[in-house]
Amino acid sequence: MQRHLDILLTAIAPAIWGSTYLVTTELLPPGYPLTVAVLRALPAGLLLLLVVRTLPKGHWWPRVLVLGALNFSIFWAMLFVS
């Protein structure tokens, strides 16, 4: 039974990743790539804050901002522009 669960969980990741293109082309308003990028990243970030229940301290703030920009904001904005 555990093996079937592992296979199912492994199959879910590409399906969710593939939904990005469907959502982008069919469900989101055209012409607002930065707004769409924020709406796409914000729920995950808020969920992570609820799980961790702590904010970065000190020198971690610039790192978090750079990582967030490179990993989510710029990537999704360029994806939605294209």
PDB file of N, CA and C in Angstrom:
ATOM      1  N   MET A   1       0.824  -1.203   0.000  1.00  0.00           N
ATOM      2  CA  MET A   1       0.000   0.000   0.000  1.00  0.00           C
ATOM      3  C   MET A   1       0.862   1.259   0.000  1.00  0.00           C
ATOM      4  N   GLN A   2       1.969   1.230   0.746  1.00  0.00           N
ATOM      5  CA  GLN A   2       2.842   2.392   0.825  1.00  0.00           C
ATOM      6  C   GLN A   2       3.418   2.734  -0.542  1.00  0.00           C
ATOM      7  N   ARG A   3       3.735   1.716  -1.334  1.00  0.00           N
ATOM      8  CA  ARG A   3       4.309   1.963  -2.660  1.00  0.00           C
ATOM      9  C   ARG A   3       3.307   2.679  -3.558  1.00  0.00           C
ATOM     10  N   HIS A   4       2.039   2.297  -3.492  1.00  0.00           N
ATOM     11  CA  HIS A   4       1.013   2.964  -4.294  1.00  0.00           C
ATOM     12  C   HIS A   4       0.854   4.427  -3.895  1.00  0.00           C
ATOM     13  N   LEU A   5       0.944   4.687  -2.607  1.00  0.00           N
ATOM     14  CA  LEU A   5       0.863   6.059  -2.122  1.00  0.00           C
ATOM     15  C   LEU A   5       2.061   6.868  -2.600  1.00  0.00           C
ATOM     16  N   ASP A   6       3.244   6.276  -2.573  1.00  0.00           N
ATOM     17  CA  ASP A   6       4.446   6.963  -3.059  1.00  0.00           C
ATOM     18  C   ASP A   6       4.329   7.298  -4.539  1.00  0.00           C
ATOM     19  N   ILE A   7       3.830   6.366  -5.318  1.00  0.00           N
ATOM     20  CA  ILE A   7       3.662   6.595  -6.761  1.00  0.00           C
ATOM     21  C   ILE A   7       2.642   7.698  -7.002  1.00  0.00           C
ATOM     22  N   LEU A   8       1.557   7.682  -6.265  1.00  0.00           N
ATOM     23  CA  LEU A   8       0.524   8.716  -6.410  1.00  0.00           C
ATOM     24  C   LEU A   8       1.075  10.093  -6.051  1.00  0.00           C
ATOM     25  N   LEU A   9       1.790  10.186  -4.952  1.00  0.00           N
ATOM     26  CA  LEU A   9       2.368  11.470  -4.552  1.00  0.00           C
ATOM     27  C   LEU A   9       3.412  11.957  -5.553  1.00  0.00           C
ATOM     28  N   THR A  10       4.168  11.025  -6.123  1.00  0.00           N
ATOM     29  CA  THR A  10       5.155  11.390  -7.132  1.00  0.00           C
ATOM     30  C   THR A  10       4.489  11.892  -8.401  1.00  0.00           C
ATOM     31  N   ALA A  11       3.354  11.347  -8.750  1.00  0.00           N
ATOM     32  CA  ALA A  11       2.641  11.756  -9.961  1.00  0.00           C
ATOM     33  C   ALA A  11       1.944  13.099  -9.787  1.00  0.00           C
ATOM     34  N   ILE A  12       1.649  13.494  -8.576  1.00  0.00           N
ATOM     35  CA  ILE A  12       0.933  14.743  -8.339  1.00  0.00           C
ATOM     36  C   ILE A  12       1.797  15.962  -8.684  1.00  0.00           C
ATOM     37  N   ALA A  13       3.089  15.917  -8.387  1.00  0.00           N
ATOM     38  CA  ALA A  13       3.966  17.066  -8.608  1.00  0.00           C
ATOM     39  C   ALA A  13       3.978  17.534 -10.062  1.00  0.00           C
ATOM     40  N   PRO A  14       4.202  16.667 -11.055  1.00  0.00           N
ATOM     41  CA  PRO A  14       4.170  17.153 -12.438  1.00  0.00           C
ATOM     42  C   PRO A  14       2.788  17.635 -12.865  1.00  0.00           C
ATOM     43  N   ALA A  15       1.756  17.031 -12.327  1.00  0.00           N
ATOM     44  CA  ALA A  15       0.402  17.475 -12.675  1.00  0.00           C
ATOM     45  C   ALA A  15       0.153  18.891 -12.162  1.00  0.00           C
ATOM     46  N   ILE A  16       0.596  19.177 -10.962  1.00  0.00           N
ATOM     47  CA  ILE A  16       0.438  20.528 -10.418  1.00  0.00           C
ATOM     48  C   ILE A  16       1.301  21.512 -11.196  1.00  0.00           C
ATOM     49  N   TRP A  17       2.533  21.142 -11.504  1.00  0.00           N
ATOM     50  CA  TRP A  17       3.419  22.018 -12.272  1.00  0.00           C
ATOM     51  C   TRP A  17       2.817  22.297 -13.647  1.00  0.00           C
ATOM     52  N   GLY A  18       2.260  21.292 -14.275  1.00  0.00           N
ATOM     53  CA  GLY A  18       1.644  21.469 -15.587  1.00  0.00           C
ATOM     54  C   GLY A  18       0.412  22.346 -15.552  1.00  0.00           C
ATOM     55  N   SER A  19      -0.234  22.435 -14.407  1.00  0.00           N
ATOM     56  CA  SER A  19      -1.426  23.280 -14.306  1.00  0.00           C
ATOM     57  C   SER A  19      -1.091  24.761 -14.431  1.00  0.00           C
ATOM     58  N   THR A  20       0.173  25.132 -14.241  1.00  0.00           N
ATOM     59  CA  THR A  20       0.584  26.531 -14.374  1.00  0.00           C
ATOM     60  C   THR A  20       0.221  27.071 -15.745  1.00  0.00           C
ATOM     61  N   TYR A  21       0.476  26.311 -16.768  1.00  0.00           N
ATOM     62  CA  TYR A  21       0.236  26.780 -18.122  1.00  0.00           C
ATOM     63  C   TYR A  21      -1.256  26.856 -18.432  1.00  0.00           C
ATOM     64  N   LEU A  22      -2.016  25.906 -17.931  1.00  0.00           N
ATOM     65  CA  LEU A  22      -3.464  25.954 -18.122  1.00  0.00           C
ATOM     66  C   LEU A  22      -4.064  27.162 -17.413  1.00  0.00           C
ATOM     67  N   VAL A  23      -3.676  27.377 -16.179  1.00  0.00           N
ATOM     68  CA  VAL A  23      -4.183  28.522 -15.411  1.00  0.00           C
ATOM     69  C   VAL A  23      -3.767  29.831 -16.073  1.00  0.00           C
ATOM     70  N   THR A  24      -2.521  29.901 -16.526  1.00  0.00           N
ATOM     71  CA  THR A  24      -2.004  31.123 -17.137  1.00  0.00           C
ATOM     72  C   THR A  24      -2.756  31.476 -18.415  1.00  0.00           C
ATOM     73  N   THR A  25      -2.993  30.506 -19.248  1.00  0.00           N
ATOM     74  CA  THR A  25      -3.594  30.797 -20.549  1.00  0.00           C
ATOM     75  C   THR A  25      -5.105  30.898 -20.506  1.00  0.00           C
ATOM     76  N   GLU A  26      -5.759  30.219 -19.583  1.00  0.00           N
ATOM     77  CA  GLU A  26      -7.215  30.141 -19.615  1.00  0.00           C
ATOM     78  C   GLU A  26      -7.929  30.917 -18.510  1.00  0.00           C
ATOM     79  N   LEU A  27      -7.337  31.040 -17.347  1.00  0.00           N
ATOM     80  CA  LEU A  27      -8.081  31.556 -16.198  1.00  0.00           C
ATOM     81  C   LEU A  27      -7.661  32.926 -15.700  1.00  0.00           C
ATOM     82  N   LEU A  28      -6.486  33.398 -16.087  1.00  0.00           N
ATOM     83  CA  LEU A  28      -6.001  34.665 -15.550  1.00  0.00           C
ATOM     84  C   LEU A  28      -6.236  35.807 -16.531  1.00  0.00           C
ATOM     85  N   PRO A  29      -6.464  37.012 -16.018  1.00  0.00           N
ATOM     86  CA  PRO A  29      -6.685  38.145 -16.907  1.00  0.00           C
ATOM     87  C   PRO A  29      -5.410  38.524 -17.644  1.00  0.00           C
ATOM     88  N   PRO A  30      -5.505  38.814 -18.932  1.00  0.00           N
ATOM     89  CA  PRO A  30      -4.312  39.193 -19.687  1.00  0.00           C
ATOM     90  C   PRO A  30      -3.874  40.619 -19.351  1.00  0.00           C
ATOM     91  N   GLY A  31      -2.585  40.892 -19.490  1.00  0.00           N
ATOM     92  CA  GLY A  31      -2.091  42.253 -19.343  1.00  0.00           C
ATOM     93  C   GLY A  31      -1.625  42.655 -17.965  1.00  0.00           C
ATOM     94  N   TYR A  32      -1.639  41.761 -17.000  1.00  0.00           N
ATOM     95  CA  TYR A  32      -1.218  42.101 -15.640  1.00  0.00           C
ATOM     96  C   TYR A  32      -0.225  41.055 -15.117  1.00  0.00           C
ATOM     97  N   PRO A  33       0.950  40.928 -15.722  1.00  0.00           N
ATOM     98  CA  PRO A  33       1.856  39.845 -15.332  1.00  0.00           C
ATOM     99  C   PRO A  33       2.374  39.951 -13.903  1.00  0.00           C
ATOM    100  N   LEU A  34       2.659  41.158 -13.415  1.00  0.00           N
ATOM    101  CA  LEU A  34       3.179  41.276 -12.050  1.00  0.00           C
ATOM    102  C   LEU A  34       2.101  40.972 -11.014  1.00  0.00           C
ATOM    103  N   THR A  35       0.881  41.410 -11.278  1.00  0.00           N
ATOM    104  CA  THR A  35      -0.220  41.101 -10.368  1.00  0.00           C
ATOM    105  C   THR A  35      -0.473  39.608 -10.322  1.00  0.00           C
ATOM    106  N   VAL A  36      -0.436  38.980 -11.473  1.00  0.00           N
ATOM    107  CA  VAL A  36      -0.651  37.540 -11.536  1.00  0.00           C
ATOM    108  C   VAL A  36       0.472  36.807 -10.813  1.00  0.00           C
ATOM    109  N   ALA A  37       1.708  37.260 -10.973  1.00  0.00           N
ATOM    110  CA  ALA A  37       2.837  36.632 -10.283  1.00  0.00           C
ATOM    111  C   ALA A  37       2.674  36.751  -8.770  1.00  0.00           C
ATOM    112  N   VAL A  38       2.232  37.899  -8.300  1.00  0.00           N
ATOM    113  CA  VAL A  38       2.010  38.083  -6.863  1.00  0.00           C
ATOM    114  C   VAL A  38       0.891  37.183  -6.374  1.00  0.00           C
ATOM    115  N   LEU A  39      -0.205  37.119  -7.124  1.00  0.00           N
ATOM    116  CA  LEU A  39      -1.323  36.278  -6.708  1.00  0.00           C
ATOM    117  C   LEU A  39      -0.959  34.806  -6.716  1.00  0.00           C
ATOM    118  N   ARG A  40      -0.021  34.430  -7.562  1.00  0.00           N
ATOM    119  CA  ARG A  40       0.401  33.034  -7.633  1.00  0.00           C
ATOM    120  C   ARG A  40       1.337  32.692  -6.469  1.00  0.00           C
ATOM    121  N   ALA A  41       2.216  33.606  -6.052  1.00  0.00           N
ATOM    122  CA  ALA A  41       3.203  33.317  -5.021  1.00  0.00           C
ATOM    123  C   ALA A  41       2.696  33.601  -3.606  1.00  0.00           C
ATOM    124  N   LEU A  42       1.816  34.558  -3.451  1.00  0.00           N
ATOM    125  CA  LEU A  42       1.396  34.994  -2.119  1.00  0.00           C
ATOM    126  C   LEU A  42       0.736  33.901  -1.275  1.00  0.00           C
ATOM    127  N   PRO A  43      -0.199  33.118  -1.806  1.00  0.00           N
ATOM    128  CA  PRO A  43      -0.805  32.078  -0.949  1.00  0.00           C
ATOM    129  C   PRO A  43       0.209  31.075  -0.408  1.00  0.00           C
ATOM    130  N   ALA A  44       1.170  30.663  -1.226  1.00  0.00           N
ATOM    131  CA  ALA A  44       2.179  29.717  -0.746  1.00  0.00           C
ATOM    132  C   ALA A  44       3.046  30.350   0.338  1.00  0.00           C
ATOM    133  N   GLY A  45       3.416  31.607   0.155  1.00  0.00           N
ATOM    134  CA  GLY A  45       4.216  32.294   1.157  1.00  0.00           C
ATOM    135  C   GLY A  45       3.476  32.457   2.474  1.00  0.00           C
ATOM    136  N   LEU A  46       2.212  32.815   2.398  1.00  0.00           N
ATOM    137  CA  LEU A  46       1.419  32.955   3.627  1.00  0.00           C
ATOM    138  C   LEU A  46       1.228  31.614   4.323  1.00  0.00           C
ATOM    139  N   LEU A  47       1.037  30.569   3.540  1.00  0.00           N
ATOM    140  CA  LEU A  47       0.906  29.232   4.121  1.00  0.00           C
ATOM    141  C   LEU A  47       2.192  28.813   4.827  1.00  0.00           C
ATOM    142  N   LEU A  48       3.330  29.096   4.217  1.00  0.00           N
ATOM    143  CA  LEU A  48       4.601  28.787   4.865  1.00  0.00           C
ATOM    144  C   LEU A  48       4.796  29.585   6.149  1.00  0.00           C
ATOM    145  N   LEU A  49       4.375  30.850   6.152  1.00  0.00           N
ATOM    146  CA  LEU A  49       4.466  31.638   7.386  1.00  0.00           C
ATOM    147  C   LEU A  49       3.580  31.071   8.484  1.00  0.00           C
ATOM    148  N   LEU A  50       2.410  30.548   8.115  1.00  0.00           N
ATOM    149  CA  LEU A  50       1.548  29.923   9.118  1.00  0.00           C
ATOM    150  C   LEU A  50       2.173  28.663   9.693  1.00  0.00           C
ATOM    151  N   VAL A  51       2.871  27.916   8.861  1.00  0.00           N
ATOM    152  CA  VAL A  51       3.507  26.685   9.327  1.00  0.00           C
ATOM    153  C   VAL A  51       4.710  26.999  10.215  1.00  0.00           C
ATOM    154  N   VAL A  52       5.554  27.929   9.798  1.00  0.00           N
ATOM    155  CA  VAL A  52       6.786  28.223  10.520  1.00  0.00           C
ATOM    156  C   VAL A  52       6.532  29.144  11.709  1.00  0.00           C
ATOM    157  N   ARG A  53       5.637  30.099  11.554  1.00  0.00           N
ATOM    158  CA  ARG A  53       5.263  31.065  12.598  1.00  0.00           C
ATOM    159  C   ARG A  53       6.429  31.907  13.108  1.00  0.00           C
ATOM    160  N   THR A  54       7.331  32.253  12.211  1.00  0.00           N
ATOM    161  CA  THR A  54       8.416  33.152  12.564  1.00  0.00           C
ATOM    162  C   THR A  54       8.881  33.887  11.313  1.00  0.00           C
ATOM    163  N   LEU A  55       9.349  35.103  11.497  1.00  0.00           N
ATOM    164  CA  LEU A  55       9.853  35.896  10.385  1.00  0.00           C
ATOM    165  C   LEU A  55      11.376  35.846  10.378  1.00  0.00           C
ATOM    166  N   PRO A  56      11.979  36.077   9.225  1.00  0.00           N
ATOM    167  CA  PRO A  56      13.444  36.121   9.184  1.00  0.00           C
ATOM    168  C   PRO A  56      13.971  37.257  10.048  1.00  0.00           C
ATOM    169  N   LYS A  57      15.179  37.098  10.533  1.00  0.00           N
ATOM    170  CA  LYS A  57      15.785  38.112  11.395  1.00  0.00           C
ATOM    171  C   LYS A  57      17.089  38.608  10.787  1.00  0.00           C
ATOM    172  N   GLY A  58      17.366  39.879  10.998  1.00  0.00           N
ATOM    173  CA  GLY A  58      18.647  40.475  10.667  1.00  0.00           C
ATOM    174  C   GLY A  58      19.066  40.359   9.215  1.00  0.00           C
ATOM    175  N   HIS A  59      20.222  39.742   8.992  1.00  0.00           N
ATOM    176  CA  HIS A  59      20.804  39.667   7.653  1.00  0.00           C
ATOM    177  C   HIS A  59      20.046  38.731   6.719  1.00  0.00           C
ATOM    178  N   TRP A  60      19.028  38.012   7.210  1.00  0.00           N
ATOM    179  CA  TRP A  60      18.258  37.116   6.355  1.00  0.00           C
ATOM    180  C   TRP A  60      17.248  37.856   5.491  1.00  0.00           C
ATOM    181  N   TRP A  61      16.835  39.069   5.864  1.00  0.00           N
ATOM    182  CA  TRP A  61      15.843  39.806   5.062  1.00  0.00           C
ATOM    183  C   TRP A  61      16.317  40.066   3.628  1.00  0.00           C
ATOM    184  N   PRO A  62      17.524  40.593   3.413  1.00  0.00           N
ATOM    185  CA  PRO A  62      17.962  40.778   2.020  1.00  0.00           C
ATOM    186  C   PRO A  62      18.048  39.462   1.254  1.00  0.00           C
ATOM    187  N   ARG A  63      18.478  38.407   1.919  1.00  0.00           N
ATOM    188  CA  ARG A  63      18.560  37.094   1.268  1.00  0.00           C
ATOM    189  C   ARG A  63      17.175  36.599   0.858  1.00  0.00           C
ATOM    190  N   VAL A  64      16.210  36.750   1.747  1.00  0.00           N
ATOM    191  CA  VAL A  64      14.840  36.325   1.442  1.00  0.00           C
ATOM    192  C   VAL A  64      14.287  37.121   0.259  1.00  0.00           C
ATOM    193  N   LEU A  65      14.542  38.422   0.239  1.00  0.00           N
ATOM    194  CA  LEU A  65      14.044  39.252  -0.858  1.00  0.00           C
ATOM    195  C   LEU A  65      14.679  38.863  -2.193  1.00  0.00           C
ATOM    196  N   VAL A  66      15.974  38.617  -2.198  1.00  0.00           N
ATOM    197  CA  VAL A  66      16.651  38.214  -3.437  1.00  0.00           C
ATOM    198  C   VAL A  66      16.164  36.846  -3.893  1.00  0.00           C
ATOM    199  N   LEU A  67      16.088  35.892  -2.974  1.00  0.00           N
ATOM    200  CA  LEU A  67      15.616  34.562  -3.340  1.00  0.00           C
ATOM    201  C   LEU A  67      14.171  34.589  -3.826  1.00  0.00           C
ATOM    202  N   GLY A  68      13.338  35.354  -3.155  1.00  0.00           N
ATOM    203  CA  GLY A  68      11.939  35.468  -3.585  1.00  0.00           C
ATOM    204  C   GLY A  68      11.818  36.093  -4.955  1.00  0.00           C
ATOM    205  N   ALA A  69      12.626  37.119  -5.218  1.00  0.00           N
ATOM    206  CA  ALA A  69      12.583  37.769  -6.529  1.00  0.00           C
ATOM    207  C   ALA A  69      13.057  36.821  -7.620  1.00  0.00           C
ATOM    208  N   LEU A  70      14.169  36.150  -7.386  1.00  0.00           N
ATOM    209  CA  LEU A  70      14.723  35.274  -8.416  1.00  0.00           C
ATOM    210  C   LEU A  70      13.897  34.005  -8.610  1.00  0.00           C
ATOM    211  N   ASN A  71      13.412  33.446  -7.536  1.00  0.00           N
ATOM    212  CA  ASN A  71      12.730  32.166  -7.627  1.00  0.00           C
ATOM    213  C   ASN A  71      11.274  32.296  -8.046  1.00  0.00           C
ATOM    214  N   PHE A  72      10.591  33.327  -7.612  1.00  0.00           N
ATOM    215  CA  PHE A  72       9.165  33.424  -7.887  1.00  0.00           C
ATOM    216  C   PHE A  72       8.804  34.629  -8.731  1.00  0.00           C
ATOM    217  N   SER A  73       9.058  35.796  -8.223  1.00  0.00           N
ATOM    218  CA  SER A  73       8.537  37.016  -8.850  1.00  0.00           C
ATOM    219  C   SER A  73       9.003  37.191 -10.285  1.00  0.00           C
ATOM    220  N   ILE A  74      10.311  37.198 -10.494  1.00  0.00           N
ATOM    221  CA  ILE A  74      10.830  37.440 -11.844  1.00  0.00           C
ATOM    222  C   ILE A  74      10.480  36.273 -12.763  1.00  0.00           C
ATOM    223  N   PHE A  75      10.622  35.041 -12.268  1.00  0.00           N
ATOM    224  CA  PHE A  75      10.314  33.875 -13.097  1.00  0.00           C
ATOM    225  C   PHE A  75       8.869  33.882 -13.557  1.00  0.00           C
ATOM    226  N   TRP A  76       7.932  34.055 -12.622  1.00  0.00           N
ATOM    227  CA  TRP A  76       6.523  34.008 -13.001  1.00  0.00           C
ATOM    228  C   TRP A  76       6.119  35.220 -13.819  1.00  0.00           C
ATOM    229  N   ALA A  77       6.667  36.373 -13.516  1.00  0.00           N
ATOM    230  CA  ALA A  77       6.350  37.550 -14.331  1.00  0.00           C
ATOM    231  C   ALA A  77       6.784  37.334 -15.779  1.00  0.00           C
ATOM    232  N   MET A  78       7.991  36.809 -15.980  1.00  0.00           N
ATOM    233  CA  MET A  78       8.455  36.543 -17.343  1.00  0.00           C
ATOM    234  C   MET A  78       7.650  35.431 -18.004  1.00  0.00           C
ATOM    235  N   LEU A  79       7.257  34.437 -17.218  1.00  0.00           N
ATOM    236  CA  LEU A  79       6.410  33.362 -17.744  1.00  0.00           C
ATOM    237  C   LEU A  79       5.079  33.923 -18.220  1.00  0.00           C
ATOM    238  N   PHE A  80       4.484  34.805 -17.430  1.00  0.00           N
ATOM    239  CA  PHE A  80       3.181  35.346 -17.784  1.00  0.00           C
ATOM    240  C   PHE A  80       3.284  36.366 -18.922  1.00  0.00           C
ATOM    241  N   VAL A  81       4.405  37.068 -19.021  1.00  0.00           N
ATOM    242  CA  VAL A  81       4.602  37.990 -20.132  1.00  0.00           C
ATOM    243  C   VAL A  81       4.724  37.204 -21.438  1.00  0.00           C
ATOM    244  N   SER A  82       5.447  36.101 -21.380  1.00  0.00           N
ATOM    245  CA  SER A  82       5.647  35.317 -22.594  1.00  0.00           C
ATOM    246  C   SER A  82       4.363  34.630 -22.992  1.00  0.00           C
TER     247      SER A  82
END
